[in-house]
């Protein structure tokens, strides 16, 4: 472990001790899982799972252009942080956080890329991997804004640029995937003025379709904003129906759907009954959204513990089978290469002997000849072994690179490196006949089970903190003893004279 990583983890422990001591108990479990991943080669020793997740409660706001994302954020925070309007829109990912005496400042993307406390730490390197040269242009993608509004304390909100044809770049999608993985709540906005599938095709493709098969679908809220525009023609049902059909085309048949609008920026609704109906629906949906946003700190606790279970499941159910299959393909390729080479050498030798009509005399195969030419025989055998070994390891390397190229270098939520793990298993010190990847066996399996058990205990601890089905933590109310008088003989309770 590098000094930088060690210092970073120490700072994380200090931060958790002050901000959320319950999560401090989870860190050692992350370190246990790190060791398993190090041995397999899925995780670089200069990294840690704890450094690949966001320890802050995180809310991301995504969606189409002019869908009211910025207006929604400004209204929630209570301050005009983001530009609003059809033309005045931010073209960067904006991280919004609390700043005690420094509210209202806008800081460059470097403030996020170079600070391990924020979710976009090191994102320039990830951008560079998918878009050559774009990693140096981090200022074009990110910015940090602070506010002194206490409502945003202990949480981070990320506002995204709208999804449109100009933004279908690998770098933008890479950042989007990153924040979706890190977020505790994802609000996906749609424009009620354009609910048809064609108008939101990019959003359906990049956001909706990508969320359908995820295990954490409960954190996605789908919001049809500016629904007040439907009041003029009173065709709300048609607009909502068109929107939901578009969502179904994206593969989403169920989820959390809301229809809202901003009263300050809304179209006046003259009909009182219609206005009340719209306001009632909006208030109910806004309340549900705000309650979920305010509860994001609790969700953060479960998300961080849940990462342990998620990684354990990915390792056993997805990663190890992929590595085994990759090793099997590599083994077949090496054996095929060795077999072809051996066959070619034999055929060449037989062909040359036939062509030159030379065959070794029978005395060569006698014990006496071997004794007389012992050192020559040994030298010949050693030369053959060296040449065969050199060719064998050359074939191993060539086939390994070919197989590794088809494996992911950033798999799953914490971006585990399957390619590196396979190359470690294909190293020169490891037999091609070993079925299991290097670092995995009965002992590693036992350690992973221990991590699962500890993670389950962490969940139980959180449940005890936030839930109490039996009511054991309720304060005891002392019973009041009431002395009853004898109703049948009331005179007995009177003072005697």
Foldseek 3Di string as FASTA:
>chain_A
DDPVVVVVVVVVLVVCVVVPVLCNVVVVLQVLVQVLLVQLQQDDPVDTLVLLAALFAEEEEAEAQQLCRQVVVCVQLVHNQADHDNPRHDQAKEKEAADAPDAFDKAFQCVQCPDSNHLNDVLLVVLCVQPPPCSVVSRSHYMYHYHNRCLRHRYMYIYHHHDDPVQPGPSSLSVVLSSVLRHLAYEYGDELVDLALVVGVRCLVRPLLVLQPDPPQQRYEYEHELLLVCLVVVPSVVSVVNNQVSSVVSVDNDYHYAYAYDPVPHDDRPDPVSVVVRVVRRVVRVVVVVVCVSCSNLSSLLSVLVVLVVVLCCVVPPLFVLLLVLLVQLLVQLVVQLVVVVVVVVVVVVVVCVVVVDDDDPCCPDPVVCVVCVVVVVVVVVVVVVVSVVSSVVSLVVSLVVSLVPDFCQDDSSGTGSSSSNVQQSDPVHDSPDRGGRSDDPVSVVSSVVSVVVSVVSVVVSCVVVHDVPCPPPDDDDDDDDDDADPVCNVVPDDDD
